[in-house]
Amino acid sequence: MNVVFVCGGSAGHVNPAIAIAEELRNKHPMSKIIFIGADKALEKRLVPEAGFELINIKMTGLRRGFSPSDIIYNIKTAINLVSAERKSSRLLRDFKPDAVIGTGGYISYPVLKKASKKRIATFLLEPNAYPGLAVKMLSASVDKIFIAYKGAENELKHPEKAVFTGTPLLRRFFENDTGEAEKPEDKKLVVSFWGSLGAARMNDMMAEFIKLNVESECFNHIHATGAIGSIDKLKASLSESGVKNATAPIADIREYIDDMPSIMKKADLVMCRAGASTIAELTAMGKPAILIPSPNVAENHQELNAKQLCSAGGAVMVSEKECDGKVLFDLVRDLLNDGEKLEKMSAFQKSLSVSDSSSVIIDFIYKFVQERRVQ
């Protein structure tokens, strides 16, 4: 097959596309694969690193406000959309794909819309419990929508198009490599992060959280601040509060966690946001979690994602406005002291995982394309 993957903007959009593409390359090695991105830094790094060709088309999103800056921004988006549709048409004509798969990002809209008009098989991944704007805008056009949560089809205008697959994950989340050096056995390990861009308010809370743990030495802790400059701000806050010895393993502060699978495998407890890919990683590894959903996402979908895990017993949810560093520290300490509860949470997490999501998606697409060829 010739297959186009469309994604951009965040790891939650790019990594599932790479996971599916890797499975396609493994199952059907003669397939031709290209990625279309929106010229963002993340896909420009991750896609080539995975060994795939990336073609960028400039595309921006929509702002929902009505301020002069919002209006100007949306006018530029309209101009970009016209240009993106024209470039998409040319790419699709030249590459002649059998299928186009969108996994998120504003660039998905013009490419999938144009592919649908050309009668190319089109597929969209919705990894959240509640469908986002792209799915709402494209649901009438695409052939099928891959969903990560059973029951999510009830939120779609075209529930008959839904196919339950789970969220595709990179293979290394299921491999048994150890990566970095083993964690010390004398203390449990907590891993925390708020996404590649970070979160200013949450990192501010982590200063108090880390201070309490440095003073008590309750557990080992790895924290990724995200975003350029956030790590310096956090370290400055710790220094101002009198913490001079915030060092590993009690306080291992990083900008990013480059080898997330290896680090997460060693964790006894994870504290993070509730993005779709993060949720899939937690369930794949069976990691008990404290989830603090981002309040700054459309349709509040992170809270809906978190509720899925909490109702199953695999996680505890705390709203950002109701927590601070001490609240989080006390909650972490109490959970780590309850080994039986952690074991149950881990089992509940694993029960929610779909380990063969990428394989299910590739098999479905291959069969769909073959049937369309016969028609």
Protein backbone atom coordinates (compact mmCIF):
# COMPACT_ATOMS: atom_id res chain seq x y z
CA MET A 1 0.00 0.00 0.00
CA ASN A 2 0.92 3.65 -0.39
CA VAL A 3 -0.05 5.35 2.87
CA VAL A 4 -0.01 8.98 4.00
CA PHE A 5 0.09 9.81 7.71
CA VAL A 6 -1.05 13.29 8.72
CA CYS A 7 -0.15 14.65 12.14
CA GLY A 8 1.44 17.59 13.87
CA GLY A 9 1.85 19.83 16.85
CA SER A 10 2.29 17.50 19.81
CA ALA A 11 3.75 14.13 20.76
CA GLY A 12 0.19 12.93 21.37
CA HIS A 13 -0.48 13.40 17.65
CA VAL A 14 2.88 12.38 16.21
CA ASN A 15 3.80 9.27 18.24
CA PRO A 16 0.60 7.31 17.50
CA ALA A 17 1.15 7.95 13.77
CA ILE A 18 4.73 6.69 14.04
CA ALA A 19 3.52 3.62 15.97
CA ILE A 20 1.04 2.74 13.22
CA ALA A 21 3.61 3.44 10.49
CA GLU A 22 6.16 1.17 12.19
CA GLU A 23 3.60 -1.62 12.30
CA LEU A 24 2.79 -1.08 8.63
CA ARG A 25 6.49 -1.22 7.77
CA ASN A 26 6.82 -4.43 9.79
CA LYS A 27 3.76 -6.19 8.35
CA HIS A 28 3.95 -4.90 4.78
CA PRO A 29 7.58 -3.92 4.16
CA MET A 30 6.99 -3.05 0.50
CA SER A 31 4.57 -0.29 1.43
CA LYS A 32 5.47 3.32 0.65
CA ILE A 33 4.96 5.74 3.52
CA ILE A 34 5.10 9.52 3.81
CA PHE A 35 4.18 11.86 6.64
CA ILE A 36 2.59 15.29 6.24
CA GLY A 37 3.17 17.71 9.11
CA ALA A 38 2.45 21.34 9.85
CA ASP A 39 6.09 22.45 10.01
CA LYS A 40 6.25 22.18 13.80
CA ALA A 41 9.50 21.40 15.61
CA LEU A 42 8.29 18.17 17.17
CA GLU A 43 7.32 16.28 14.02
CA LYS A 44 10.39 17.70 12.25
CA ARG A 45 12.49 15.87 14.85
CA LEU A 46 10.49 12.73 15.65
CA VAL A 47 9.42 11.62 12.17
CA PRO A 48 12.88 11.62 10.54
CA GLU A 49 14.34 9.97 13.66
CA ALA A 50 11.88 7.11 13.11
CA GLY A 51 13.10 6.76 9.53
CA PHE A 52 10.14 8.21 7.63
CA GLU A 53 9.92 10.94 5.01
CA LEU A 54 8.26 14.14 6.21
CA ILE A 55 6.65 16.79 4.01
CA ASN A 56 5.56 19.99 5.75
CA ILE A 57 2.58 22.17 4.86
CA LYS A 58 2.07 25.33 6.89
CA MET A 59 -1.22 25.20 8.76
CA THR A 60 -2.50 27.01 11.84
CA GLY A 61 -5.55 26.51 14.02
CA LEU A 62 -8.57 28.53 15.01
CA ARG A 63 -8.91 30.84 17.97
CA ARG A 64 -12.30 30.98 19.61
CA GLY A 65 -12.10 34.57 20.83
CA PHE A 66 -13.20 37.75 19.08
CA SER A 67 -10.40 40.12 19.98
CA PRO A 68 -8.64 41.93 17.11
CA SER A 69 -5.62 39.63 17.45
CA ASP A 70 -7.89 36.57 17.36
CA ILE A 71 -9.64 37.82 14.23
CA ILE A 72 -6.33 38.56 12.48
CA TYR A 73 -5.00 35.16 13.47
CA ASN A 74 -8.10 33.40 12.08
CA ILE A 75 -7.83 35.33 8.81
CA LYS A 76 -4.27 34.03 8.46
CA THR A 77 -5.56 30.53 9.21
CA ALA A 78 -8.14 30.86 6.41
CA ILE A 79 -5.36 31.87 4.01
CA ASN A 80 -3.21 28.96 5.19
CA LEU A 81 -6.15 26.60 4.71
CA VAL A 82 -6.58 27.56 1.06
CA SER A 83 -2.86 27.09 0.47
CA ALA A 84 -2.80 23.79 2.41
CA GLU A 85 -5.68 22.38 0.38
CA ARG A 86 -3.91 23.26 -2.86
CA LYS A 87 -0.64 21.68 -1.72
CA SER A 88 -2.47 18.62 -0.34
CA SER A 89 -4.16 18.05 -3.68
CA ARG A 90 -0.82 18.14 -5.47
CA LEU A 91 0.81 15.73 -3.00
CA LEU A 92 -2.06 13.26 -3.17
CA ARG A 93 -2.00 13.37 -6.96
CA ASP A 94 1.73 12.65 -7.10
CA PHE A 95 1.95 10.02 -4.34
CA LYS A 96 -1.30 8.19 -5.23
CA PRO A 97 -2.04 6.85 -1.73
CA ASP A 98 -4.30 3.90 -1.03
CA ALA A 99 -5.07 5.34 2.40
CA VAL A 100 -4.68 8.55 4.39
CA ILE A 101 -4.57 8.35 8.18
CA GLY A 102 -4.95 11.42 10.38
CA THR A 103 -3.90 11.25 14.03
CA GLY A 104 -4.45 14.87 15.07
CA GLY A 105 -3.32 18.43 14.54
CA TYR A 106 -4.89 21.10 12.36
CA ILE A 107 -3.05 19.86 9.28
CA SER A 108 -5.29 16.75 9.35
CA TYR A 109 -8.28 18.76 8.18
CA PRO A 110 -7.21 19.98 4.71
CA VAL A 111 -5.40 16.74 3.81
CA LEU A 112 -8.19 14.38 4.84
CA LYS A 113 -10.86 16.62 3.34
CA LYS A 114 -9.08 16.65 -0.01
CA ALA A 115 -8.35 12.88 0.15
CA SER A 116 -12.01 12.16 0.82
CA LYS A 117 -13.08 14.19 -2.21
CA LYS A 118 -10.66 12.14 -4.31
CA ARG A 119 -12.29 8.91 -3.06
CA ILE A 120 -9.14 7.80 -1.26
CA ALA A 121 -9.72 5.64 1.83
CA THR A 122 -9.56 7.97 4.84
CA PHE A 123 -9.18 7.20 8.52
CA LEU A 124 -9.06 9.34 11.65
CA LEU A 125 -7.78 8.43 15.11
CA GLU A 126 -9.65 9.83 18.11
CA PRO A 127 -7.67 8.82 21.21
CA ASN A 128 -9.71 10.88 23.68
CA ALA A 129 -12.89 9.94 25.50
CA TYR A 130 -14.67 12.90 23.92
CA PRO A 131 -14.19 13.77 20.23
CA GLY A 132 -12.18 16.87 19.40
CA LEU A 133 -12.78 19.57 16.82
CA ALA A 134 -11.01 17.72 13.98
CA VAL A 135 -13.22 14.66 14.41
CA LYS A 136 -16.35 16.78 14.53
CA MET A 137 -15.39 18.61 11.35
CA LEU A 138 -14.30 15.49 9.46
CA SER A 139 -16.66 12.80 10.75
CA ALA A 140 -18.98 13.13 7.75
CA SER A 141 -16.07 12.91 5.30
CA VAL A 142 -13.78 10.12 6.53
CA ASP A 143 -14.52 6.43 6.06
CA LYS A 144 -13.76 5.24 9.58
CA ILE A 145 -12.84 6.68 12.99
CA PHE A 146 -10.58 4.66 15.30
CA ILE A 147 -11.57 5.20 18.94
CA ALA A 148 -9.64 4.47 22.13
CA TYR A 149 -12.53 4.13 24.58
CA LYS A 150 -15.53 1.84 24.37
CA GLY A 151 -18.61 4.02 24.40
CA ALA A 152 -16.87 6.96 22.71
CA GLU A 153 -18.89 6.17 19.57
CA ASN A 154 -21.94 7.52 21.38
CA GLU A 155 -20.37 10.99 21.20
CA LEU A 156 -19.97 10.84 17.40
CA LYS A 157 -22.45 12.16 14.85
CA HIS A 158 -21.76 9.03 12.83
CA PRO A 159 -21.35 6.25 15.43
CA GLU A 160 -21.52 3.62 12.68
CA LYS A 161 -18.07 4.76 11.52
CA ALA A 162 -16.40 4.00 14.87
CA VAL A 163 -13.95 1.12 15.23
CA PHE A 164 -12.59 0.38 18.72
CA THR A 165 -8.81 -0.03 18.57
CA GLY A 166 -7.28 1.59 21.64
CA THR A 167 -4.43 4.09 21.27
CA PRO A 168 -1.36 3.02 19.25
CA LEU A 169 1.90 3.13 21.20
CA LEU A 170 5.53 2.96 20.13
CA ARG A 171 6.89 -0.56 20.40
CA ARG A 172 9.42 0.31 23.09
CA PHE A 173 6.59 0.71 25.61
CA PHE A 174 6.04 -3.04 25.34
CA GLU A 175 9.69 -4.13 25.26
CA ASN A 176 11.60 -5.38 28.29
CA ASP A 177 14.78 -3.33 27.94
CA THR A 178 15.98 -1.59 31.09
CA GLY A 179 17.45 1.52 29.51
CA GLU A 180 18.99 3.65 32.24
CA ALA A 181 20.62 2.23 35.33
CA GLU A 182 18.33 0.41 37.75
CA LYS A 183 16.70 2.49 40.44
CA PRO A 184 17.97 2.13 44.03
CA GLU A 185 15.94 -0.46 45.88
CA ASP A 186 15.82 1.38 49.20
CA LYS A 187 13.10 3.81 48.15
CA LYS A 188 10.13 3.83 45.81
CA LEU A 189 10.32 5.96 42.68
CA VAL A 190 7.87 8.70 41.69
CA VAL A 191 7.98 10.10 38.14
CA SER A 192 6.23 13.38 37.33
CA PHE A 193 5.84 15.46 34.16
CA TRP A 194 3.32 17.87 32.64
CA GLY A 195 4.04 17.42 28.93
CA SER A 196 6.76 18.63 26.58
CA LEU A 197 5.64 22.26 26.88
CA GLY A 198 5.40 22.09 30.66
CA ALA A 199 2.84 23.88 32.81
CA ALA A 200 3.86 26.98 34.73
CA ARG A 201 1.42 26.62 37.63
CA MET A 202 2.15 22.91 38.12
CA ASN A 203 5.91 23.50 38.06
CA ASP A 204 5.41 26.21 40.69
CA MET A 205 3.68 23.61 42.87
CA MET A 206 6.53 21.18 42.32
CA ALA A 207 8.92 23.54 44.14
CA GLU A 208 6.99 22.97 47.38
CA PHE A 209 6.54 19.26 46.58
CA ILE A 210 10.27 18.74 46.00
CA LYS A 211 11.21 20.78 49.09
CA LEU A 212 9.05 18.54 51.29
CA ASN A 213 10.56 15.40 49.82
CA VAL A 214 14.16 16.65 50.09
CA GLU A 215 13.53 17.41 53.77
CA SER A 216 11.87 14.05 54.51
CA GLU A 217 13.63 11.82 51.93
CA CYS A 218 10.41 9.81 51.61
CA PHE A 219 10.94 8.61 48.03
CA ASN A 220 13.13 8.99 44.97
CA HIS A 221 11.74 11.42 42.43
CA ILE A 222 12.33 12.23 38.76
CA HIS A 223 10.58 15.36 37.51
CA ALA A 224 10.56 16.75 33.97
CA THR A 225 9.71 20.44 33.80
CA GLY A 226 9.26 20.68 30.02
CA ALA A 227 9.60 23.95 28.10
CA ILE A 228 12.81 25.89 27.70
CA GLY A 229 13.53 27.93 30.81
CA SER A 230 11.16 26.08 33.14
CA ILE A 231 13.94 24.03 34.74
CA ASP A 232 15.93 27.17 35.60
CA LYS A 233 12.87 28.78 37.16
CA LEU A 234 12.13 25.70 39.27
CA LYS A 235 15.71 25.41 40.49
CA ALA A 236 15.72 29.13 41.33
CA SER A 237 12.50 28.72 43.34
CA LEU A 238 14.03 25.82 45.28
CA SER A 239 17.15 27.82 46.02
CA GLU A 240 15.10 30.79 47.24
CA SER A 241 13.17 28.50 49.60
CA GLY A 242 16.42 27.26 51.12
CA VAL A 243 16.78 23.96 49.28
CA LYS A 244 20.45 23.62 48.33
CA ASN A 245 20.70 19.85 47.83
CA ALA A 246 17.97 19.05 45.27
CA THR A 247 19.91 16.29 43.54
CA ALA A 248 19.29 12.75 42.29
CA PRO A 249 17.92 10.35 43.31
CA ILE A 250 15.74 12.27 45.81
CA ALA A 251 15.25 15.16 43.38
CA ASP A 252 16.32 14.36 39.82
CA ILE A 253 15.10 17.46 37.93
CA ARG A 254 15.26 17.39 34.13
CA GLU A 255 13.89 19.46 31.30
CA TYR A 256 12.70 16.36 29.44
CA ILE A 257 12.68 12.61 29.96
CA ASP A 258 14.24 11.38 26.74
CA ASP A 259 13.70 7.67 27.37
CA MET A 260 10.20 7.70 28.84
CA PRO A 261 9.54 3.92 28.49
CA SER A 262 12.64 2.98 30.52
CA ILE A 263 11.95 5.58 33.20
CA MET A 264 8.25 4.84 33.46
CA LYS A 265 8.91 1.10 33.81
CA LYS A 266 10.89 1.75 36.99
CA ALA A 267 8.27 4.06 38.51
CA ASP A 268 6.09 2.92 41.41
CA LEU A 269 3.79 5.90 40.90
CA VAL A 270 3.38 8.43 38.08
CA MET A 271 2.04 11.96 38.45
CA CYS A 272 1.03 13.65 35.19
CA ARG A 273 -1.61 15.21 32.94
CA ALA A 274 -4.29 13.08 31.27
CA GLY A 275 -3.56 13.39 27.57
CA ALA A 276 -4.60 10.44 25.44
CA SER A 277 -1.11 9.09 24.70
CA THR A 278 -0.05 9.40 28.33
CA ILE A 279 -3.15 7.48 29.40
CA ALA A 280 -2.30 4.72 26.90
CA GLU A 281 1.28 4.54 28.20
CA LEU A 282 0.12 4.25 31.80
CA THR A 283 -2.29 1.43 31.03
CA ALA A 284 0.22 -0.42 28.83
CA MET A 285 2.72 -0.47 31.68
CA GLY A 286 0.18 -0.87 34.46
CA LYS A 287 1.36 2.20 36.34
CA PRO A 288 -0.69 3.63 39.23
CA ALA A 289 -1.15 7.32 38.63
CA ILE A 290 -2.19 10.63 40.09
CA LEU A 291 -3.77 12.58 37.24
CA ILE A 292 -4.07 16.36 37.20
CA PRO A 293 -5.98 17.12 33.97
CA SER A 294 -5.05 20.28 32.13
CA PRO A 295 -7.82 22.90 32.49
CA ASN A 296 -6.65 24.56 29.27
CA VAL A 297 -7.78 22.03 26.65
CA ALA A 298 -10.84 22.06 24.40
CA GLU A 299 -14.00 20.36 25.66
CA ASN A 300 -12.19 19.52 28.92
CA HIS A 301 -11.23 16.20 27.30
CA GLN A 302 -8.36 15.46 29.71
CA GLU A 303 -10.75 15.33 32.66
CA LEU A 304 -12.98 12.95 30.72
CA ASN A 305 -9.94 10.78 29.93
CA ALA A 306 -8.94 10.77 33.60
CA LYS A 307 -12.41 9.77 34.75
CA GLN A 308 -12.18 6.65 32.59
CA LEU A 309 -9.11 5.49 34.53
CA CYS A 310 -10.41 6.58 37.91
CA SER A 311 -13.72 4.77 37.47
CA ALA A 312 -11.77 1.61 36.65
CA GLY A 313 -9.67 2.01 39.80
CA GLY A 314 -6.30 2.60 38.16
CA ALA A 315 -5.76 6.26 39.02
CA VAL A 316 -6.61 9.10 41.38
CA MET A 317 -7.64 12.45 39.90
CA VAL A 318 -6.97 15.86 41.47
CA SER A 319 -8.11 19.10 39.85
CA GLU A 320 -5.40 21.71 39.35
CA LYS A 321 -7.35 24.41 41.19
CA GLU A 322 -7.73 22.19 44.28
CA CYS A 323 -4.13 21.14 44.72
CA ASP A 324 -0.79 22.53 45.81
CA GLY A 325 2.60 21.02 46.55
CA LYS A 326 1.67 19.79 50.04
CA VAL A 327 -1.62 18.24 48.91
CA LEU A 328 0.22 16.31 46.21
CA PHE A 329 3.05 15.31 48.54
CA ASP A 330 0.68 13.96 51.19
CA LEU A 331 -1.29 12.04 48.55
CA VAL A 332 1.87 10.52 47.05
CA ARG A 333 3.23 9.54 50.47
CA ASP A 334 -0.05 7.88 51.47
CA LEU A 335 -0.29 5.91 48.23
CA LEU A 336 3.32 4.73 48.41
CA ASN A 337 2.70 3.50 51.97
CA ASP A 338 -0.22 1.35 50.76
CA GLY A 339 1.43 -1.40 48.74
CA GLU A 340 -1.78 -3.40 48.40
CA LYS A 341 -3.62 -0.45 46.86
CA LEU A 342 -0.77 0.20 44.41
CA GLU A 343 -0.88 -3.43 43.27
CA LYS A 344 -4.62 -3.24 42.67
CA MET A 345 -4.27 0.05 40.77
CA SER A 346 -1.59 -1.52 38.60
CA ALA A 347 -3.81 -4.50 37.79
CA PHE A 348 -6.72 -2.20 36.93
CA GLN A 349 -4.50 -0.15 34.63
CA LYS A 350 -3.29 -3.22 32.74
CA SER A 351 -6.88 -4.40 32.27
CA LEU A 352 -7.57 -1.24 30.22
CA SER A 353 -4.61 -1.61 27.86
CA VAL A 354 -4.92 -2.59 24.19
CA SER A 355 -1.44 -3.89 23.41
CA ASP A 356 -2.06 -4.68 19.74
CA SER A 357 -3.74 -1.40 18.75
CA SER A 358 -1.37 -0.65 15.86
CA SER A 359 -1.74 -4.17 14.50
CA VAL A 360 -5.54 -3.98 14.69
CA ILE A 361 -5.51 -0.68 12.80
CA ILE A 362 -3.17 -1.91 10.05
CA ASP A 363 -5.14 -5.14 9.55
CA PHE A 364 -8.38 -3.17 9.32
CA ILE A 365 -6.98 -0.67 6.82
CA TYR A 366 -5.38 -3.37 4.69
CA LYS A 367 -8.66 -5.30 4.46
CA PHE A 368 -10.62 -2.09 3.78
CA VAL A 369 -8.27 -1.08 0.96
CA GLN A 370 -8.34 -4.54 -0.61
CA GLU A 371 -12.14 -4.58 -0.59
CA ARG A 372 -12.25 -1.11 -2.14
CA ARG A 373 -9.86 -2.22 -4.89
CA VAL A 374 -12.20 -5.10 -5.77
CA GLN A 375 -15.13 -2.68 -5.99
